[in-house]
Amino acid sequence: AAIALENARLFNDLGQEISERKRAEQLIKTSLEEKE
């Protein structure tokens, strides 16, 4: 149960990190397009 809970927490954290990276990538892409 502890392993499952920890994996769930890590999976959730990873999902949030991926979302943040996607937002950052989109900001960079938008900025690059504006500069172009």
Full PDB file with SEQRES, HELIX, SHEET, SSBOND, CRYST1, ORIGX, SCALE, CONECT and MASTER records, all heavy atoms in Angstrom:
SEQRES   1 A   36  ALA ALA ILE ALA LEU GLU ASN ALA ARG LEU PHE ASN ASP          
SEQRES   2 A   36  LEU GLY GLN GLU ILE SER GLU ARG LYS ARG ALA GLU GLN          
SEQRES   3 A   36  LEU ILE LYS THR SER LEU GLU GLU LYS GLU                      
HELIX    1 AA1 ALA A    2  LYS A   35  1                                  34    
CRYST1    1.000    1.000    1.000  90.00  90.00  90.00 P 1           1          
ORIGX1      1.000000  0.000000  0.000000        0.00000                         
ORIGX2      0.000000  1.000000  0.000000        0.00000                         
ORIGX3      0.000000  0.000000  1.000000        0.00000                         
SCALE1      1.000000  0.000000  0.000000        0.00000                         
SCALE2      0.000000  1.000000  0.000000        0.00000                         
SCALE3      0.000000  0.000000  1.000000        0.00000                         
ATOM      1  N   ALA A   1       0.844  -1.204   0.000  1.00  0.00           N  
ATOM      2  CA  ALA A   1       0.000   0.000   0.000  1.00  0.00           C  
ATOM      3  C   ALA A   1       0.875   1.248   0.000  1.00  0.00           C  
ATOM      4  O   ALA A   1       0.598   2.221  -0.720  1.00  0.00           O  
ATOM      5  CB  ALA A   1      -0.929  -0.011   1.204  1.00  0.00           C  
ATOM      6  N   ALA A   2       1.957   1.231   0.785  1.00  0.00           N  
ATOM      7  CA  ALA A   2       2.863   2.378   0.833  1.00  0.00           C  
ATOM      8  C   ALA A   2       3.518   2.604  -0.528  1.00  0.00           C  
ATOM      9  O   ALA A   2       3.629   3.740  -1.009  1.00  0.00           O  
ATOM     10  CB  ALA A   2       3.921   2.165   1.913  1.00  0.00           C  
ATOM     11  N   ILE A   3       3.938   1.505  -1.153  1.00  0.00           N  
ATOM     12  CA  ILE A   3       4.553   1.620  -2.483  1.00  0.00           C  
ATOM     13  C   ILE A   3       3.545   2.172  -3.480  1.00  0.00           C  
ATOM     14  O   ILE A   3       3.861   3.060  -4.281  1.00  0.00           O  
ATOM     15  CB  ILE A   3       5.099   0.239  -2.936  1.00  0.00           C  
ATOM     16  CG1 ILE A   3       6.315  -0.138  -2.088  1.00  0.00           C  
ATOM     17  CG2 ILE A   3       5.445   0.242  -4.424  1.00  0.00           C  
ATOM     18  CD1 ILE A   3       6.778  -1.576  -2.274  1.00  0.00           C  
ATOM     19  N   ALA A   4       2.319   1.687  -3.438  1.00  0.00           N  
ATOM     20  CA  ALA A   4       1.277   2.168  -4.352  1.00  0.00           C  
ATOM     21  C   ALA A   4       0.995   3.648  -4.117  1.00  0.00           C  
ATOM     22  O   ALA A   4       0.869   4.422  -5.076  1.00  0.00           O  
ATOM     23  CB  ALA A   4       0.010   1.343  -4.172  1.00  0.00           C  
ATOM     24  N   LEU A   5       0.910   4.061  -2.841  1.00  0.00           N  
ATOM     25  CA  LEU A   5       0.664   5.475  -2.531  1.00  0.00           C  
ATOM     26  C   LEU A   5       1.827   6.352  -3.008  1.00  0.00           C  
ATOM     27  O   LEU A   5       1.621   7.427  -3.589  1.00  0.00           O  
ATOM     28  CB  LEU A   5       0.451   5.668  -1.025  1.00  0.00           C  
ATOM     29  CG  LEU A   5      -0.884   5.184  -0.477  1.00  0.00           C  
ATOM     30  CD1 LEU A   5      -0.872   5.228   1.058  1.00  0.00           C  
ATOM     31  CD2 LEU A   5      -2.021   6.031  -1.015  1.00  0.00           C  
ATOM     32  N   GLU A   6       3.041   5.896  -2.775  1.00  0.00           N  
ATOM     33  CA  GLU A   6       4.216   6.670  -3.206  1.00  0.00           C  
ATOM     34  C   GLU A   6       4.270   6.752  -4.728  1.00  0.00           C  
ATOM     35  O   GLU A   6       4.562   7.809  -5.281  1.00  0.00           O  
ATOM     36  CB  GLU A   6       5.503   6.038  -2.648  1.00  0.00           C  
ATOM     37  CG  GLU A   6       6.745   6.842  -2.894  1.00  0.00           C  
ATOM     38  CD  GLU A   6       6.768   8.204  -2.195  1.00  0.00           C  
ATOM     39  OE1 GLU A   6       5.936   8.492  -1.322  1.00  0.00           O  
ATOM     40  OE2 GLU A   6       7.657   9.011  -2.559  1.00  0.00           O  
ATOM     41  N   ASN A   7       3.983   5.650  -5.403  1.00  0.00           N  
ATOM     42  CA  ASN A   7       3.954   5.673  -6.869  1.00  0.00           C  
ATOM     43  C   ASN A   7       2.878   6.630  -7.384  1.00  0.00           C  
ATOM     44  O   ASN A   7       3.099   7.353  -8.356  1.00  0.00           O  
ATOM     45  CB  ASN A   7       3.722   4.263  -7.426  1.00  0.00           C  
ATOM     46  CG  ASN A   7       4.962   3.400  -7.354  1.00  0.00           C  
ATOM     47  OD1 ASN A   7       6.068   3.902  -7.183  1.00  0.00           O  
ATOM     48  ND2 ASN A   7       4.778   2.090  -7.473  1.00  0.00           N  
ATOM     49  N   ALA A   8       1.738   6.626  -6.742  1.00  0.00           N  
ATOM     50  CA  ALA A   8       0.653   7.533  -7.137  1.00  0.00           C  
ATOM     51  C   ALA A   8       1.092   8.985  -6.956  1.00  0.00           C  
ATOM     52  O   ALA A   8       0.836   9.837  -7.814  1.00  0.00           O  
ATOM     53  CB  ALA A   8      -0.605   7.241  -6.334  1.00  0.00           C  
ATOM     54  N   ARG A   9       1.758   9.256  -5.812  1.00  0.00           N  
ATOM     55  CA  ARG A   9       2.248  10.617  -5.575  1.00  0.00           C  
ATOM     56  C   ARG A   9       3.268  11.018  -6.622  1.00  0.00           C  
ATOM     57  O   ARG A   9       3.216  12.121  -7.194  1.00  0.00           O  
ATOM     58  CB  ARG A   9       2.862  10.725  -4.173  1.00  0.00           C  
ATOM     59  CG  ARG A   9       3.270  12.170  -3.808  1.00  0.00           C  
ATOM     60  CD  ARG A   9       4.116  12.225  -2.551  1.00  0.00           C  
ATOM     61  NE  ARG A   9       5.382  11.528  -2.688  1.00  0.00           N  
ATOM     62  CZ  ARG A   9       6.463  12.020  -3.326  1.00  0.00           C  
ATOM     63  NH1 ARG A   9       6.398  13.187  -3.916  1.00  0.00           N  
ATOM     64  NH2 ARG A   9       7.572  11.325  -3.380  1.00  0.00           N  
ATOM     65  N   LEU A  10       4.224  10.128  -6.909  1.00  0.00           N  
ATOM     66  CA  LEU A  10       5.247  10.407  -7.910  1.00  0.00           C  
ATOM     67  C   LEU A  10       4.634  10.602  -9.295  1.00  0.00           C  
ATOM     68  O   LEU A  10       5.029  11.489 -10.044  1.00  0.00           O  
ATOM     69  CB  LEU A  10       6.293   9.282  -7.945  1.00  0.00           C  
ATOM     70  CG  LEU A  10       7.214   9.185  -6.728  1.00  0.00           C  
ATOM     71  CD1 LEU A  10       8.050   7.916  -6.804  1.00  0.00           C  
ATOM     72  CD2 LEU A  10       8.106  10.410  -6.609  1.00  0.00           C  
ATOM     73  N   PHE A  11       3.657   9.765  -9.634  1.00  0.00           N  
ATOM     74  CA  PHE A  11       2.975   9.882 -10.914  1.00  0.00           C  
ATOM     75  C   PHE A  11       2.262  11.235 -11.018  1.00  0.00           C  
ATOM     76  O   PHE A  11       2.313  11.905 -12.052  1.00  0.00           O  
ATOM     77  CB  PHE A  11       1.984   8.730 -11.086  1.00  0.00           C  
ATOM     78  CG  PHE A  11       1.324   8.702 -12.427  1.00  0.00           C  
ATOM     79  CD1 PHE A  11       2.011   8.258 -13.548  1.00  0.00           C  
ATOM     80  CD2 PHE A  11       0.007   9.134 -12.577  1.00  0.00           C  
ATOM     81  CE1 PHE A  11       1.401   8.242 -14.794  1.00  0.00           C  
ATOM     82  CE2 PHE A  11      -0.598   9.120 -13.815  1.00  0.00           C  
ATOM     83  CZ  PHE A  11       0.089   8.667 -14.929  1.00  0.00           C  
ATOM     84  N   ASN A  12       1.618  11.646  -9.948  1.00  0.00           N  
ATOM     85  CA  ASN A  12       0.941  12.939  -9.917  1.00  0.00           C  
ATOM     86  C   ASN A  12       1.952  14.072 -10.081  1.00  0.00           C  
ATOM     87  O   ASN A  12       1.732  15.014 -10.846  1.00  0.00           O  
ATOM     88  CB  ASN A  12       0.152  13.088  -8.611  1.00  0.00           C  
ATOM     89  CG  ASN A  12      -0.676  14.352  -8.603  1.00  0.00           C  
ATOM     90  OD1 ASN A  12      -1.280  14.715  -9.597  1.00  0.00           O  
ATOM     91  ND2 ASN A  12      -0.687  15.032  -7.468  1.00  0.00           N  
ATOM     92  N   ASP A  13       3.074  13.987  -9.340  1.00  0.00           N  
ATOM     93  CA  ASP A  13       4.123  15.008  -9.450  1.00  0.00           C  
ATOM     94  C   ASP A  13       4.674  15.083 -10.876  1.00  0.00           C  
ATOM     95  O   ASP A  13       4.906  16.168 -11.414  1.00  0.00           O  
ATOM     96  CB  ASP A  13       5.267  14.724  -8.474  1.00  0.00           C  
ATOM     97  CG  ASP A  13       4.874  14.939  -7.017  1.00  0.00           C  
ATOM     98  OD1 ASP A  13       3.773  15.481  -6.773  1.00  0.00           O  
ATOM     99  OD2 ASP A  13       5.677  14.562  -6.132  1.00  0.00           O  
ATOM    100  N   LEU A  14       4.881  13.909 -11.470  1.00  0.00           N  
ATOM    101  CA  LEU A  14       5.387  13.854 -12.834  1.00  0.00           C  
ATOM    102  C   LEU A  14       4.397  14.498 -13.806  1.00  0.00           C  
ATOM    103  O   LEU A  14       4.788  15.252 -14.699  1.00  0.00           O  
ATOM    104  CB  LEU A  14       5.652  12.399 -13.237  1.00  0.00           C  
ATOM    105  CG  LEU A  14       6.236  12.174 -14.622  1.00  0.00           C  
ATOM    106  CD1 LEU A  14       7.599  12.832 -14.754  1.00  0.00           C  
ATOM    107  CD2 LEU A  14       6.331  10.685 -14.914  1.00  0.00           C  
ATOM    108  N   GLY A  15       3.128  14.225 -13.611  1.00  0.00           N  
ATOM    109  CA  GLY A  15       2.101  14.834 -14.456  1.00  0.00           C  
ATOM    110  C   GLY A  15       2.120  16.352 -14.358  1.00  0.00           C  
ATOM    111  O   GLY A  15       2.000  17.052 -15.362  1.00  0.00           O  
ATOM    112  N   GLN A  16       2.275  16.860 -13.125  1.00  0.00           N  
ATOM    113  CA  GLN A  16       2.343  18.309 -12.940  1.00  0.00           C  
ATOM    114  C   GLN A  16       3.597  18.890 -13.592  1.00  0.00           C  
ATOM    115  O   GLN A  16       3.542  19.943 -14.228  1.00  0.00           O  
ATOM    116  CB  GLN A  16       2.314  18.648 -11.448  1.00  0.00           C  
ATOM    117  CG  GLN A  16       0.974  18.427 -10.807  1.00  0.00           C  
ATOM    118  CD  GLN A  16       0.990  18.693  -9.304  1.00  0.00           C  
ATOM    119  OE1 GLN A  16       2.035  18.896  -8.708  1.00  0.00           O  
ATOM    120  NE2 GLN A  16      -0.188  18.671  -8.699  1.00  0.00           N  
ATOM    121  N   GLU A  17       4.718  18.181 -13.456  1.00  0.00           N  
ATOM    122  CA  GLU A  17       5.967  18.652 -14.057  1.00  0.00           C  
ATOM    123  C   GLU A  17       5.852  18.673 -15.582  1.00  0.00           C  
ATOM    124  O   GLU A  17       6.291  19.625 -16.223  1.00  0.00           O  
ATOM    125  CB  GLU A  17       7.130  17.754 -13.632  1.00  0.00           C  
ATOM    126  CG  GLU A  17       8.475  18.269 -14.105  1.00  0.00           C  
ATOM    127  CD  GLU A  17       9.638  17.434 -13.603  1.00  0.00           C  
ATOM    128  OE1 GLU A  17       9.566  16.904 -12.478  1.00  0.00           O  
ATOM    129  OE2 GLU A  17      10.621  17.322 -14.354  1.00  0.00           O  
ATOM    130  N   ILE A  18       5.237  17.634 -16.143  1.00  0.00           N  
ATOM    131  CA  ILE A  18       5.046  17.596 -17.594  1.00  0.00           C  
ATOM    132  C   ILE A  18       4.163  18.755 -18.040  1.00  0.00           C  
ATOM    133  O   ILE A  18       4.455  19.423 -19.039  1.00  0.00           O  
ATOM    134  CB  ILE A  18       4.464  16.234 -18.027  1.00  0.00           C  
ATOM    135  CG1 ILE A  18       5.525  15.139 -17.875  1.00  0.00           C  
ATOM    136  CG2 ILE A  18       3.931  16.292 -19.456  1.00  0.00           C  
ATOM    137  CD1 ILE A  18       4.997  13.729 -18.065  1.00  0.00           C  
ATOM    138  N   SER A  19       3.107  19.027 -17.298  1.00  0.00           N  
ATOM    139  CA  SER A  19       2.213  20.147 -17.633  1.00  0.00           C  
ATOM    140  C   SER A  19       2.961  21.472 -17.578  1.00  0.00           C  
ATOM    141  O   SER A  19       2.803  22.325 -18.458  1.00  0.00           O  
ATOM    142  CB  SER A  19       1.027  20.191 -16.682  1.00  0.00           C  
ATOM    143  OG  SER A  19       0.219  19.048 -16.849  1.00  0.00           O  
ATOM    144  N   GLU A  20       3.769  21.652 -16.543  1.00  0.00           N  
ATOM    145  CA  GLU A  20       4.552  22.887 -16.418  1.00  0.00           C  
ATOM    146  C   GLU A  20       5.542  23.027 -17.565  1.00  0.00           C  
ATOM    147  O   GLU A  20       5.727  24.116 -18.121  1.00  0.00           O  
ATOM    148  CB  GLU A  20       5.283  22.911 -15.074  1.00  0.00           C  
ATOM    149  CG  GLU A  20       4.362  23.111 -13.885  1.00  0.00           C  
ATOM    150  CD  GLU A  20       5.075  22.931 -12.539  1.00  0.00           C  
ATOM    151  OE1 GLU A  20       6.321  22.855 -12.509  1.00  0.00           O  
ATOM    152  OE2 GLU A  20       4.370  22.856 -11.524  1.00  0.00           O  
ATOM    153  N   ARG A  21       6.187  21.933 -17.929  1.00  0.00           N  
ATOM    154  CA  ARG A  21       7.137  21.976 -19.051  1.00  0.00           C  
ATOM    155  C   ARG A  21       6.423  22.311 -20.357  1.00  0.00           C  
ATOM    156  O   ARG A  21       6.944  23.065 -21.173  1.00  0.00           O  
ATOM    157  CB  ARG A  21       7.872  20.650 -19.185  1.00  0.00           C  
ATOM    158  CG  ARG A  21       8.959  20.490 -18.171  1.00  0.00           C  
ATOM    159  CD  ARG A  21       9.768  19.246 -18.422  1.00  0.00           C  
ATOM    160  NE  ARG A  21      10.770  19.108 -17.383  1.00  0.00           N  
ATOM    161  CZ  ARG A  21      11.933  18.555 -17.576  1.00  0.00           C  
ATOM    162  NH1 ARG A  21      12.252  18.082 -18.749  1.00  0.00           N  
ATOM    163  NH2 ARG A  21      12.788  18.463 -16.590  1.00  0.00           N  
ATOM    164  N   LYS A  22       5.249  21.729 -20.558  1.00  0.00           N  
ATOM    165  CA  LYS A  22       4.493  22.028 -21.774  1.00  0.00           C  
ATOM    166  C   LYS A  22       4.120  23.501 -21.830  1.00  0.00           C  
ATOM    167  O   LYS A  22       4.194  24.130 -22.883  1.00  0.00           O  
ATOM    168  CB  LYS A  22       3.248  21.144 -21.862  1.00  0.00           C  
ATOM    169  CG  LYS A  22       3.553  19.726 -22.291  1.00  0.00           C  
ATOM    170  CD  LYS A  22       2.282  18.900 -22.442  1.00  0.00           C  
ATOM    171  CE  LYS A  22       2.602  17.495 -22.897  1.00  0.00           C  
ATOM    172  NZ  LYS A  22       1.405  16.663 -23.040  1.00  0.00           N  
ATOM    173  N   ARG A  23       3.709  24.046 -20.683  1.00  0.00           N  
ATOM    174  CA  ARG A  23       3.385  25.480 -20.641  1.00  0.00           C  
ATOM    175  C   ARG A  23       4.619  26.312 -20.942  1.00  0.00           C  
ATOM    176  O   ARG A  23       4.552  27.280 -21.712  1.00  0.00           O  
ATOM    177  CB  ARG A  23       2.816  25.859 -19.271  1.00  0.00           C  
ATOM    178  CG  ARG A  23       1.338  25.563 -19.114  1.00  0.00           C  
ATOM    179  CD  ARG A  23       0.756  26.207 -17.864  1.00  0.00           C  
ATOM    180  NE  ARG A  23       1.330  25.689 -16.626  1.00  0.00           N  
ATOM    181  CZ  ARG A  23       0.900  24.623 -15.979  1.00  0.00           C  
ATOM    182  NH1 ARG A  23      -0.122  23.951 -16.448  1.00  0.00           N  
ATOM    183  NH2 ARG A  23       1.478  24.226 -14.863  1.00  0.00           N  
ATOM    184  N   ALA A  24       5.760  25.934 -20.360  1.00  0.00           N  
ATOM    185  CA  ALA A  24       7.012  26.668 -20.603  1.00  0.00           C  
ATOM    186  C   ALA A  24       7.415  26.563 -22.070  1.00  0.00           C  
ATOM    187  O   ALA A  24       7.824  27.562 -22.677  1.00  0.00           O  
ATOM    188  CB  ALA A  24       8.120  26.139 -19.696  1.00  0.00           C  
ATOM    189  N   GLU A  25       7.294  25.376 -22.657  1.00  0.00           N  
ATOM    190  CA  GLU A  25       7.619  25.193 -24.067  1.00  0.00           C  
ATOM    191  C   GLU A  25       6.714  26.039 -24.950  1.00  0.00           C  
ATOM    192  O   GLU A  25       7.161  26.624 -25.932  1.00  0.00           O  
ATOM    193  CB  GLU A  25       7.499  23.715 -24.461  1.00  0.00           C  
ATOM    194  CG  GLU A  25       8.632  22.851 -23.960  1.00  0.00           C  
ATOM    195  CD  GLU A  25       8.427  21.369 -24.262  1.00  0.00           C  
ATOM    196  OE1 GLU A  25       7.519  21.016 -25.060  1.00  0.00           O  
ATOM    197  OE2 GLU A  25       9.184  20.562 -23.703  1.00  0.00           O  
ATOM    198  N   GLN A  26       5.443  26.102 -24.596  1.00  0.00           N  
ATOM    199  CA  GLN A  26       4.510  26.911 -25.384  1.00  0.00           C  
ATOM    200  C   GLN A  26       4.871  28.394 -25.287  1.00  0.00           C  
ATOM    201  O   GLN A  26       4.811  29.112 -26.280  1.00  0.00           O  
ATOM    202  CB  GLN A  26       3.064  26.675 -24.912  1.00  0.00           C  
ATOM    203  CG  GLN A  26       2.031  27.378 -25.766  1.00  0.00           C  
ATOM    204  CD  GLN A  26       2.077  26.981 -27.225  1.00  0.00           C  
ATOM    205  OE1 GLN A  26       2.222  25.829 -27.565  1.00  0.00           O  
ATOM    206  NE2 GLN A  26       1.982  27.961 -28.103  1.00  0.00           N  
ATOM    207  N   LEU A  27       5.244  28.844 -24.081  1.00  0.00           N  
ATOM    208  CA  LEU A  27       5.665  30.236 -23.926  1.00  0.00           C  
ATOM    209  C   LEU A  27       6.900  30.524 -24.767  1.00  0.00           C  
ATOM    210  O   LEU A  27       6.996  31.569 -25.428  1.00  0.00           O  
ATOM    211  CB  LEU A  27       5.948  30.546 -22.452  1.00  0.00           C  
ATOM    212  CG  LEU A  27       4.739  30.694 -21.540  1.00  0.00           C  
ATOM    213  CD1 LEU A  27       5.173  30.826 -20.080  1.00  0.00           C  
ATOM    214  CD2 LEU A  27       3.913  31.913 -21.947  1.00  0.00           C  
ATOM    215  N   ILE A  28       7.856  29.607 -24.745  1.00  0.00           N  
ATOM    216  CA  ILE A  28       9.077  29.783 -25.533  1.00  0.00           C  
ATOM    217  C   ILE A  28       8.744  29.797 -27.021  1.00  0.00           C  
ATOM    218  O   ILE A  28       9.249  30.633 -27.778  1.00  0.00           O  
ATOM    219  CB  ILE A  28      10.105  28.676 -25.198  1.00  0.00           C  
ATOM    220  CG1 ILE A  28      10.655  28.886 -23.789  1.00  0.00           C  
ATOM    221  CG2 ILE A  28      11.233  28.647 -26.212  1.00  0.00           C  
ATOM    222  CD1 ILE A  28      11.473  27.716 -23.265  1.00  0.00           C  
ATOM    223  N   LYS A  29       7.880  28.879 -27.451  1.00  0.00           N  
ATOM    224  CA  LYS A  29       7.481  28.802 -28.858  1.00  0.00           C  
ATOM    225  C   LYS A  29       6.790  30.095 -29.289  1.00  0.00           C  
ATOM    226  O   LYS A  29       7.089  30.646 -30.350  1.00  0.00           O  
ATOM    227  CB  LYS A  29       6.561  27.601 -29.065  1.00  0.00           C  
ATOM    228  CG  LYS A  29       6.174  27.376 -30.501  1.00  0.00           C  
ATOM    229  CD  LYS A  29       5.276  26.152 -30.627  1.00  0.00           C  
ATOM    230  CE  LYS A  29       4.810  25.977 -32.058  1.00  0.00           C  
ATOM    231  NZ  LYS A  29       3.852  24.893 -32.201  1.00  0.00           N  
ATOM    232  N   THR A  30       5.883  30.586 -28.454  1.00  0.00           N  
ATOM    233  CA  THR A  30       5.178  31.831 -28.770  1.00  0.00           C  
ATOM    234  C   THR A  30       6.152  32.996 -28.849  1.00  0.00           C  
ATOM    235  O   THR A  30       6.085  33.818 -29.772  1.00  0.00           O  
ATOM    236  CB  THR A  30       4.092  32.113 -27.704  1.00  0.00           C  
ATOM    237  OG1 THR A  30       3.184  31.015 -27.679  1.00  0.00           O  
ATOM    238  CG2 THR A  30       3.353  33.395 -27.998  1.00  0.00           C  
ATOM    239  N   SER A  31       7.076  33.053 -27.901  1.00  0.00           N  
ATOM    240  CA  SER A  31       8.075  34.115 -27.900  1.00  0.00           C  
ATOM    241  C   SER A  31       8.948  34.049 -29.148  1.00  0.00           C  
ATOM    242  O   SER A  31       9.244  35.077 -29.768  1.00  0.00           O  
ATOM    243  CB  SER A  31       8.941  34.001 -26.643  1.00  0.00           C  
ATOM    244  OG  SER A  31       9.962  34.960 -26.645  1.00  0.00           O  
ATOM    245  N   LEU A  32       9.347  32.843 -29.524  1.00  0.00           N  
ATOM    246  CA  LEU A  32      10.164  32.669 -30.721  1.00  0.00           C  
ATOM    247  C   LEU A  32       9.402  33.107 -31.966  1.00  0.00           C  
ATOM    248  O   LEU A  32       9.966  33.791 -32.838  1.00  0.00           O  
ATOM    249  CB  LEU A  32      10.611  31.212 -30.848  1.00  0.00           C  
ATOM    250  CG  LEU A  32      11.511  30.869 -32.024  1.00  0.00           C  
ATOM    251  CD1 LEU A  32      12.804  31.668 -31.955  1.00  0.00           C  
ATOM    252  CD2 LEU A  32      11.812  29.377 -32.032  1.00  0.00           C  
ATOM    253  N   GLU A  33       8.141  32.743 -32.050  1.00  0.00           N  
ATOM    254  CA  GLU A  33       7.325  33.149 -33.203  1.00  0.00           C  
ATOM    255  C   GLU A  33       7.206  34.671 -33.270  1.00  0.00           C  
ATOM    256  O   GLU A  33       7.297  35.265 -34.355  1.00  0.00           O  
ATOM    257  CB  GLU A  33       5.940  32.504 -33.127  1.00  0.00           C  
ATOM    258  CG  GLU A  33       5.946  31.018 -33.412  1.00  0.00           C  
ATOM    259  CD  GLU A  33       4.623  30.334 -33.089  1.00  0.00           C  
ATOM    260  OE1 GLU A  33       3.700  30.994 -32.540  1.00  0.00           O  
ATOM    261  OE2 GLU A  33       4.515  29.124 -33.375  1.00  0.00           O  
ATOM    262  N   GLU A  34       7.028  35.313 -32.121  1.00  0.00           N  
ATOM    263  CA  GLU A  34       6.947  36.774 -32.087  1.00  0.00           C  
ATOM    264  C   GLU A  34       8.264  37.392 -32.544  1.00  0.00           C  
ATOM    265  O   GLU A  34       8.269  38.359 -33.315  1.00  0.00           O  
ATOM    266  CB  GLU A  34       6.612  37.252 -30.674  1.00  0.00           C  
ATOM    267  CG  GLU A  34       5.190  36.955 -30.242  1.00  0.00           C  
ATOM    268  CD  GLU A  34       4.944  37.247 -28.766  1.00  0.00           C  
ATOM    269  OE1 GLU A  34       5.898  37.621 -28.048  1.00  0.00           O  
ATOM    270  OE2 GLU A  34       3.794  37.095 -28.328  1.00  0.00           O  
ATOM    271  N   LYS A  35       9.369  36.822 -32.089  1.00  0.00           N  
ATOM    272  CA  LYS A  35      10.683  37.348 -32.485  1.00  0.00           C  
ATOM    273  C   LYS A  35      10.923  37.147 -33.971  1.00  0.00           C  
ATOM    274  O   LYS A  35      11.507  38.015 -34.625  1.00  0.00           O  
ATOM    275  CB  LYS A  35      11.780  36.696 -31.657  1.00  0.00           C  
ATOM    276  CG  LYS A  35      11.797  37.228 -30.250  1.00  0.00           C  
ATOM    277  CD  LYS A  35      12.872  36.618 -29.406  1.00  0.00           C  
ATOM    278  CE  LYS A  35      12.804  37.305 -28.049  1.00  0.00           C  
ATOM    279  NZ  LYS A  35      13.186  36.569 -26.964  1.00  0.00           N  
ATOM    280  N   GLU A  36      10.474  36.023 -34.518  1.00  0.00           N  
ATOM    281  CA  GLU A  36      10.623  35.789 -35.958  1.00  0.00           C  
ATOM    282  C   GLU A  36       9.818  36.802 -36.762  1.00  0.00           C  
ATOM    283  O   GLU A  36      10.283  37.308 -37.779  1.00  0.00           O  
ATOM    284  CB  GLU A  36      10.222  34.361 -36.311  1.00  0.00           C  
ATOM    285  CG  GLU A  36      11.239  33.324 -35.876  1.00  0.00           C  
ATOM    286  CD  GLU A  36      10.779  31.883 -36.087  1.00  0.00           C  
ATOM    287  OE1 GLU A  36       9.598  31.668 -36.456  1.00  0.00           O  
ATOM    288  OE2 GLU A  36      11.605  30.991 -35.878  1.00  0.00           O  
TER     289      GLU A  36                                                      
MASTER        0    0    0    1    0    0    0    6  288    1    0    3          
END                                                                             
